[in-house]
């Protein structure tokens, strides 16, 4: 939902957006926001030369050309990325919108999982068929603007390709013995979603169950973490990998990225990664998505979005994504009582929020998928 532009925010709060983008969807938000052609940016700076204005800029987001122009007619103050930090900490309206959008989005994903599990045995379903079905269902949602990125649906060996995108050349018919990895999301006017589920249809191997459960244990460990407000994502990234490293396995991507609110689906500055340097703050939303990929065989990833919230002087994380986990792949004997409790509580929340969105058959199926695990 973004367009290319530059902007100057004046000290009195007036915002001037310079862009050549033309659309009827751009509306004036009162006199404090003005839209001008990109060519007017140079004129604006030149016209202020007599008062030697000071401009606060971020060194990584200003071009040399623009810097030299400002330096010629004013003064440049380099500061850390102020706007990125403001965007990262969601306000009450954004948090409410993100939660509401995840209810609608979760309902769509559940209906898709129900559909594909029901039809995989009696009709040919390819990766592109699955993508088309899910994308079309998402478009029906209230406040839908666009997909937040092209839907990833990798079956069998294609699921082991981390950033796989199905094409006519790579498209596979999904088989009953495949694991299907689906990573998808949407931009809604009230929020942004990004969710990954690994789906099993019939028989699964003991190895697949073990690796899924190890990924799940790492996912739960991150979701249950409490950190102080000076901690960045490096420690959590290690936490997510702990149970895979026990058997000398790992994954080659970061555990989590920041997510915008009707902005970028990948949006910093916070992250859960070995390179994360930005401390978590209340209101930040980040993905929690550990995985495991066995080359040429299968891929596993579990992704939810989590919201940082203060709890007794510490930052805790609230999971806002709503969709059942794949119970066929959970090796219950690997789980602790605390992990079972987390799964049961999460599935209870999924059921409570999403049952009203289901028809009778979907509701019965969802009840089974979210039934309590008895440890």
Protein backbone atom coordinates (compact mmCIF):
# COMPACT_ATOMS: atom_id res chain seq x y z
CA UNK A 1 0.00 0.00 0.00
CA UNK A 2 3.00 2.32 -0.45
CA UNK A 3 4.15 4.63 -3.24
CA UNK A 4 7.55 6.17 -3.97
CA UNK A 5 7.94 9.58 -2.39
CA UNK A 6 10.02 11.96 -0.33
CA UNK A 7 8.61 13.92 2.57
CA UNK A 8 9.49 16.89 4.74
CA UNK A 9 7.86 17.28 8.13
CA UNK A 10 8.08 20.85 9.33
CA UNK A 11 8.55 21.80 12.99
CA UNK A 12 4.91 22.98 13.18
CA UNK A 13 3.67 19.52 12.13
CA UNK A 14 2.90 20.30 8.48
CA UNK A 15 3.85 17.37 6.25
CA UNK A 16 4.70 17.88 2.58
CA UNK A 17 4.79 14.73 0.45
CA UNK A 18 6.68 15.04 -2.86
CA UNK A 19 5.74 12.34 -5.36
CA UNK A 20 4.83 11.78 -9.00
CA UNK A 21 2.37 9.06 -7.99
CA UNK A 22 -1.16 9.89 -9.08
CA UNK A 23 -4.22 8.11 -7.68
CA UNK A 24 -7.75 8.95 -6.64
CA UNK A 25 -7.10 6.88 -3.49
CA UNK A 26 -4.80 9.62 -2.14
CA UNK A 27 -6.94 11.89 -0.01
CA UNK A 28 -6.16 15.17 1.68
CA UNK A 29 -5.96 14.81 5.46
CA UNK A 30 -6.60 18.42 6.36
CA UNK A 31 -4.32 21.37 5.84
CA UNK A 32 -1.38 19.78 7.69
CA UNK A 33 -0.71 17.31 4.84
CA UNK A 34 0.17 18.59 1.37
CA UNK A 35 0.94 16.66 -1.85
CA UNK A 36 3.33 18.15 -4.40
CA UNK A 37 5.22 16.95 -7.48
CA UNK A 38 8.67 15.48 -6.85
CA UNK A 39 10.26 18.29 -8.90
CA UNK A 40 8.96 20.77 -6.29
CA UNK A 41 11.30 19.33 -3.63
CA UNK A 42 14.30 21.19 -5.05
CA UNK A 43 12.32 24.44 -5.22
CA UNK A 44 11.17 24.02 -1.61
CA UNK A 45 14.75 23.70 -0.32
CA UNK A 46 16.06 26.53 -2.51
CA UNK A 47 13.28 28.87 -1.37
CA UNK A 48 14.33 28.40 2.26
CA UNK A 49 17.97 29.39 1.64
CA UNK A 50 17.65 32.79 3.32
CA UNK A 51 16.70 31.25 6.70
CA UNK A 52 19.27 28.43 6.71
CA UNK A 53 16.87 25.73 7.91
CA UNK A 54 18.12 22.70 9.83
CA UNK A 55 17.03 19.34 8.39
CA UNK A 56 17.08 16.14 10.46
CA UNK A 57 17.91 13.20 8.19
CA UNK A 58 18.82 9.55 8.51
CA UNK A 59 22.16 8.84 6.78
CA UNK A 60 20.97 5.49 5.39
CA UNK A 61 17.83 6.86 3.74
CA UNK A 62 19.01 10.09 2.10
CA UNK A 63 20.77 10.16 -1.28
CA UNK A 64 24.07 11.96 -1.80
CA UNK A 65 22.34 14.25 -4.31
CA UNK A 66 19.64 15.32 -1.86
CA UNK A 67 22.19 15.69 0.95
CA UNK A 68 24.30 18.03 -1.19
CA UNK A 69 21.26 20.09 -2.12
CA UNK A 70 20.24 20.54 1.53
CA UNK A 71 23.84 21.23 2.58
CA UNK A 72 24.06 23.98 -0.04
CA UNK A 73 21.06 25.89 1.32
CA UNK A 74 20.69 24.72 4.93
CA UNK A 75 22.17 22.57 7.69
CA UNK A 76 22.02 18.78 7.99
CA UNK A 77 21.65 16.94 11.30
CA UNK A 78 22.15 13.19 11.03
CA UNK A 79 19.98 11.25 13.50
CA UNK A 80 18.93 7.65 13.99
CA UNK A 81 15.82 6.56 12.05
CA UNK A 82 13.19 8.36 14.14
CA UNK A 83 10.23 7.50 11.93
CA UNK A 84 11.05 3.78 11.74
CA UNK A 85 11.03 3.59 15.54
CA UNK A 86 7.70 5.45 15.73
CA UNK A 87 6.13 3.11 13.15
CA UNK A 88 7.47 0.05 14.96
CA UNK A 89 5.60 0.85 18.19
CA UNK A 90 1.94 0.34 17.36
CA UNK A 91 -0.66 2.56 19.05
CA UNK A 92 -4.02 1.35 20.44
CA UNK A 93 -5.84 1.85 17.14
CA UNK A 94 -3.20 -0.06 15.17
CA UNK A 95 -3.13 -2.92 17.71
CA UNK A 96 -6.93 -3.22 17.62
CA UNK A 97 -6.85 -3.25 13.81
CA UNK A 98 -4.08 -5.83 13.66
CA UNK A 99 -6.02 -8.15 15.98
CA UNK A 100 -9.27 -7.72 14.03
CA UNK A 101 -7.54 -8.33 10.70
CA UNK A 102 -6.01 -11.53 12.08
CA UNK A 103 -9.46 -12.86 13.00
CA UNK A 104 -10.68 -12.43 9.41
CA UNK A 105 -7.41 -13.69 7.96
CA UNK A 106 -7.28 -16.68 10.30
CA UNK A 107 -10.80 -17.69 9.36
CA UNK A 108 -9.82 -17.65 5.69
CA UNK A 109 -6.72 -19.76 6.29
CA UNK A 110 -8.71 -22.31 8.29
CA UNK A 111 -11.31 -22.60 5.51
CA UNK A 112 -8.46 -23.14 3.04
CA UNK A 113 -6.86 -25.89 5.17
CA UNK A 114 -10.27 -27.57 5.56
CA UNK A 115 -10.85 -27.37 1.79
CA UNK A 116 -7.47 -28.78 0.76
CA UNK A 117 -7.54 -31.62 3.30
CA UNK A 118 -11.02 -32.58 2.15
CA UNK A 119 -10.20 -32.52 -1.56
CA UNK A 120 -6.62 -33.81 -1.77
CA UNK A 121 -7.78 -37.45 -1.95
CA UNK A 122 -10.52 -37.15 -4.57
CA UNK A 123 -9.23 -34.55 -7.01
CA UNK A 124 -5.98 -33.25 -8.48
CA UNK A 125 -4.78 -30.18 -6.58
CA UNK A 126 -1.57 -28.47 -7.67
CA UNK A 127 0.44 -25.82 -5.86
CA UNK A 128 -0.96 -23.16 -8.21
CA UNK A 129 -4.51 -24.43 -7.56
CA UNK A 130 -3.94 -24.08 -3.81
CA UNK A 131 -2.55 -20.54 -4.22
CA UNK A 132 -5.46 -19.49 -6.42
CA UNK A 133 -8.04 -20.83 -3.96
CA UNK A 134 -6.46 -19.19 -0.91
CA UNK A 135 -5.86 -15.85 -2.66
CA UNK A 136 -9.44 -15.69 -3.95
CA UNK A 137 -10.84 -16.44 -0.48
CA UNK A 138 -8.68 -13.70 1.07
CA UNK A 139 -9.94 -11.14 -1.45
CA UNK A 140 -13.48 -11.63 -0.13
CA UNK A 141 -12.54 -10.31 3.32
CA UNK A 142 -13.72 -6.99 4.71
CA UNK A 143 -11.08 -4.26 4.45
CA UNK A 144 -8.94 -6.32 2.02
CA UNK A 145 -6.52 -4.15 0.03
CA UNK A 146 -4.02 -6.60 -1.45
CA UNK A 147 -1.91 -9.64 -0.68
CA UNK A 148 1.02 -8.66 1.53
CA UNK A 149 3.33 -10.76 -0.71
CA UNK A 150 2.85 -13.50 -3.34
CA UNK A 151 1.55 -16.63 -1.61
CA UNK A 152 4.11 -19.41 -1.12
CA UNK A 153 2.79 -22.98 -1.40
CA UNK A 154 5.59 -25.54 -1.52
CA UNK A 155 4.77 -29.24 -1.48
CA UNK A 156 7.23 -32.07 -0.84
CA UNK A 157 10.71 -31.09 -2.10
CA UNK A 158 9.53 -27.60 -3.08
CA UNK A 159 8.71 -26.92 0.56
CA UNK A 160 12.42 -27.23 1.34
CA UNK A 161 13.13 -24.12 -0.77
CA UNK A 162 12.81 -21.29 1.74
CA UNK A 163 11.62 -18.54 -0.62
CA UNK A 164 9.99 -20.81 -3.18
CA UNK A 165 7.38 -19.40 -5.56
CA UNK A 166 5.36 -21.81 -7.69
CA UNK A 167 5.49 -21.26 -11.44
CA UNK A 168 4.11 -23.18 -14.41
CA UNK A 169 7.51 -24.83 -14.70
CA UNK A 170 7.95 -25.82 -11.03
CA UNK A 171 4.27 -26.50 -10.23
CA UNK A 172 3.67 -29.88 -8.56
CA UNK A 173 0.52 -31.89 -7.97
CA UNK A 174 0.23 -32.11 -4.18
CA UNK A 175 0.37 -35.72 -3.00
CA UNK A 176 -1.23 -37.23 0.09
CA UNK A 177 2.18 -38.14 1.51
CA UNK A 178 3.59 -34.63 0.99
CA UNK A 179 4.03 -31.95 3.59
CA UNK A 180 2.65 -28.68 2.25
CA UNK A 181 4.23 -25.44 3.48
CA UNK A 182 1.98 -22.39 2.98
CA UNK A 183 3.33 -18.90 3.77
CA UNK A 184 0.83 -16.15 3.03
CA UNK A 185 -0.74 -12.91 4.19
CA UNK A 186 -2.74 -9.85 3.27
CA UNK A 187 -2.82 -6.10 3.59
CA UNK A 188 -6.07 -4.91 5.15
CA UNK A 189 -6.93 -1.27 5.76
CA UNK A 190 -6.76 -2.02 9.51
CA UNK A 191 -3.72 -4.32 9.60
CA UNK A 192 -1.15 -6.57 7.95
CA UNK A 193 -0.91 -10.37 8.24
CA UNK A 194 1.86 -12.91 7.60
CA UNK A 195 1.34 -16.53 8.63
CA UNK A 196 2.93 -19.89 7.80
CA UNK A 197 1.49 -23.33 8.41
CA UNK A 198 2.85 -26.77 7.52
CA UNK A 199 0.02 -29.09 6.49
CA UNK A 200 0.00 -32.90 6.54
CA UNK A 201 -2.63 -35.03 4.82
CA UNK A 202 -2.16 -38.70 5.65
CA UNK A 203 0.90 -40.65 6.72
CA UNK A 204 3.84 -38.77 8.20
CA UNK A 205 7.20 -40.22 9.14
CA UNK A 206 8.62 -40.32 12.65
CA UNK A 207 11.41 -38.05 11.45
CA UNK A 208 8.92 -35.46 10.19
CA UNK A 209 7.06 -35.57 13.50
CA UNK A 210 10.27 -35.14 15.44
CA UNK A 211 11.49 -32.20 13.34
CA UNK A 212 8.08 -30.47 13.38
CA UNK A 213 7.92 -30.85 17.16
CA UNK A 214 11.44 -29.46 17.59
CA UNK A 215 10.46 -26.44 15.45
CA UNK A 216 7.27 -26.08 17.50
CA UNK A 217 9.20 -26.22 20.80
CA UNK A 218 11.42 -23.38 19.57
CA UNK A 219 8.37 -21.43 18.46
CA UNK A 220 6.71 -21.86 21.86
CA UNK A 221 9.92 -20.90 23.69
CA UNK A 222 10.00 -17.58 21.82
CA UNK A 223 6.27 -16.98 22.35
CA UNK A 224 6.61 -17.56 26.11
CA UNK A 225 9.75 -15.44 26.53
CA UNK A 226 9.92 -12.43 28.80
CA UNK A 227 12.69 -9.91 28.20
CA UNK A 228 13.74 -6.58 29.63
CA UNK A 229 13.24 -3.46 27.51
CA UNK A 230 16.93 -3.26 26.61
CA UNK A 231 17.10 -6.71 25.03
CA UNK A 232 17.32 -7.15 21.25
CA UNK A 233 16.50 -10.20 19.14
CA UNK A 234 19.83 -12.04 19.32
CA UNK A 235 19.00 -14.07 22.44
CA UNK A 236 15.51 -14.99 21.17
CA UNK A 237 17.01 -16.16 17.88
CA UNK A 238 19.18 -18.62 19.82
CA UNK A 239 16.15 -19.70 21.85
CA UNK A 240 14.24 -20.58 18.66
CA UNK A 241 17.07 -22.82 17.42
CA UNK A 242 17.85 -24.58 20.70
CA UNK A 243 15.87 -27.79 20.12
CA UNK A 244 17.11 -28.19 16.53
CA UNK A 245 20.73 -27.66 17.55
CA UNK A 246 20.38 -30.54 20.03
CA UNK A 247 20.40 -32.85 16.99
CA UNK A 248 22.81 -30.71 14.91
CA UNK A 249 20.06 -29.20 12.76
CA UNK A 250 19.31 -25.54 12.02
CA UNK A 251 17.61 -23.18 9.56
CA UNK A 252 19.22 -20.56 7.31
CA UNK A 253 16.95 -17.55 7.87
CA UNK A 254 16.26 -15.26 10.78
CA UNK A 255 13.60 -16.27 13.30
CA UNK A 256 11.56 -13.10 12.93
CA UNK A 257 11.12 -9.73 11.22
CA UNK A 258 9.21 -6.63 12.20
CA UNK A 259 5.78 -6.15 10.62
CA UNK A 260 4.09 -2.85 9.78
CA UNK A 261 0.46 -1.90 10.24
CA UNK A 262 -0.94 -1.49 6.69
CA UNK A 263 2.63 -0.69 5.65
CA UNK A 264 5.52 -3.08 4.90
CA UNK A 265 5.08 -6.75 5.76
CA UNK A 266 8.85 -6.74 6.46
CA UNK A 267 9.52 -3.62 8.45
CA UNK A 268 12.29 -2.87 10.96
CA UNK A 269 14.10 -1.85 12.85
CA UNK A 270 13.35 -4.74 15.29
CA UNK A 271 14.00 -8.37 14.41
CA UNK A 272 14.64 -11.77 15.96
CA UNK A 273 17.99 -12.58 14.39
CA UNK A 274 21.70 -12.91 15.03
CA UNK A 275 22.03 -9.37 13.63
CA UNK A 276 19.26 -7.81 15.73
CA UNK A 277 20.57 -4.74 17.55
CA UNK A 278 17.37 -2.80 18.28
CA UNK A 279 15.86 -3.35 21.76
CA UNK A 280 12.24 -4.49 21.92
CA UNK A 281 9.68 -1.92 23.05
CA UNK A 282 6.01 -2.18 23.98
CA UNK A 283 3.82 -2.15 20.89
CA UNK A 284 6.33 -3.73 18.53
CA UNK A 285 5.10 -6.61 16.38
CA UNK A 286 7.49 -9.24 15.09
CA UNK A 287 7.13 -12.61 13.37
CA UNK A 288 8.04 -15.85 15.17
CA UNK A 289 8.91 -18.33 12.43
CA UNK A 290 11.50 -21.04 13.08
CA UNK A 291 11.71 -23.83 10.51
CA UNK A 292 13.52 -26.88 9.24
CA UNK A 293 14.22 -27.80 5.61
CA UNK A 294 15.42 -31.18 4.35
CA UNK A 295 16.75 -30.64 0.84
CA UNK A 296 14.76 -32.32 -1.94
CA UNK A 297 12.32 -33.83 0.59
CA UNK A 298 10.23 -31.45 2.72
CA UNK A 299 10.06 -28.14 4.54
CA UNK A 300 8.60 -27.17 7.91
CA UNK A 301 7.87 -23.67 9.19
CA UNK A 302 5.50 -22.35 11.87
CA UNK A 303 4.91 -18.60 11.77
CA UNK A 304 2.78 -16.42 14.02
CA UNK A 305 2.97 -12.68 14.64
CA UNK A 306 3.62 -11.68 18.26
CA UNK A 307 3.00 -8.36 20.02
CA UNK A 308 5.36 -7.04 22.72
CA UNK A 309 3.45 -6.01 25.87
CA UNK A 310 4.60 -4.94 29.33
CA UNK A 311 3.91 -7.51 32.06
CA UNK A 312 5.15 -6.89 35.61
CA UNK A 313 8.13 -4.83 34.51
CA UNK A 314 9.11 -7.21 31.71
CA UNK A 315 8.19 -7.38 28.03
CA UNK A 316 6.12 -10.45 27.22
CA UNK A 317 4.75 -11.51 23.83
CA UNK A 318 1.11 -12.00 22.88
CA UNK A 319 0.45 -14.20 19.83
CA UNK A 320 -2.05 -12.46 17.55
CA UNK A 321 -2.10 -14.91 14.61
CA UNK A 322 -5.00 -17.38 14.77
CA UNK A 323 -4.78 -20.75 12.99
CA UNK A 324 -4.50 -24.33 14.28
CA UNK A 325 -1.19 -26.16 14.43
CA UNK A 326 -0.80 -29.46 12.57
CA UNK A 327 -1.63 -32.06 15.24
CA UNK A 328 -0.70 -34.94 12.89
CA UNK A 329 2.89 -33.72 13.13
CA UNK A 330 3.12 -33.16 16.88
CA UNK A 331 5.11 -35.78 18.80
CA UNK A 332 3.42 -35.39 22.17
CA UNK A 333 6.04 -37.37 24.08
CA UNK A 334 8.58 -34.65 23.19
CA UNK A 335 6.55 -31.94 24.87
CA UNK A 336 6.74 -30.67 28.45
CA UNK A 337 3.59 -29.99 30.46
CA UNK A 338 4.22 -26.27 30.03
CA UNK A 339 4.41 -26.63 26.24
CA UNK A 340 1.21 -28.71 26.16
CA UNK A 341 -0.50 -26.03 28.24
CA UNK A 342 0.62 -23.35 25.75
CA UNK A 343 -0.71 -25.37 22.78
CA UNK A 344 -4.04 -26.03 24.51
CA UNK A 345 -4.44 -22.38 25.49
CA UNK A 346 -3.56 -21.24 21.97
CA UNK A 347 -5.99 -23.67 20.34
CA UNK A 348 -8.68 -22.61 22.82
CA UNK A 349 -8.19 -19.00 21.68
CA UNK A 350 -8.33 -20.03 18.01
CA UNK A 351 -11.57 -21.94 18.61
CA UNK A 352 -13.18 -19.13 20.65
CA UNK A 353 -12.37 -16.41 18.09
CA UNK A 354 -12.94 -18.33 14.85
CA UNK A 355 -15.74 -20.87 15.38
CA UNK A 356 -18.36 -18.13 14.76
CA UNK A 357 -16.82 -17.62 11.29
CA UNK A 358 -17.28 -21.28 10.23
CA UNK A 359 -20.15 -23.20 8.67
CA UNK A 360 -21.33 -26.41 10.36
CA UNK A 361 -18.87 -28.80 8.67
CA UNK A 362 -15.93 -26.43 9.06
CA UNK A 363 -16.81 -25.89 12.73
CA UNK A 364 -16.87 -29.63 13.47
CA UNK A 365 -13.51 -30.05 11.78
CA UNK A 366 -12.02 -27.07 13.67
CA UNK A 367 -13.19 -28.50 17.01
CA UNK A 368 -11.26 -31.72 16.29
CA UNK A 369 -8.16 -29.82 15.15
CA UNK A 370 -8.13 -27.73 18.33
CA UNK A 371 -9.11 -30.50 20.78
CA UNK A 372 -7.05 -30.51 23.94
CA UNK A 373 -3.85 -32.55 24.11
CA UNK A 374 -3.79 -34.68 27.26
CA UNK A 375 -0.21 -35.02 28.52
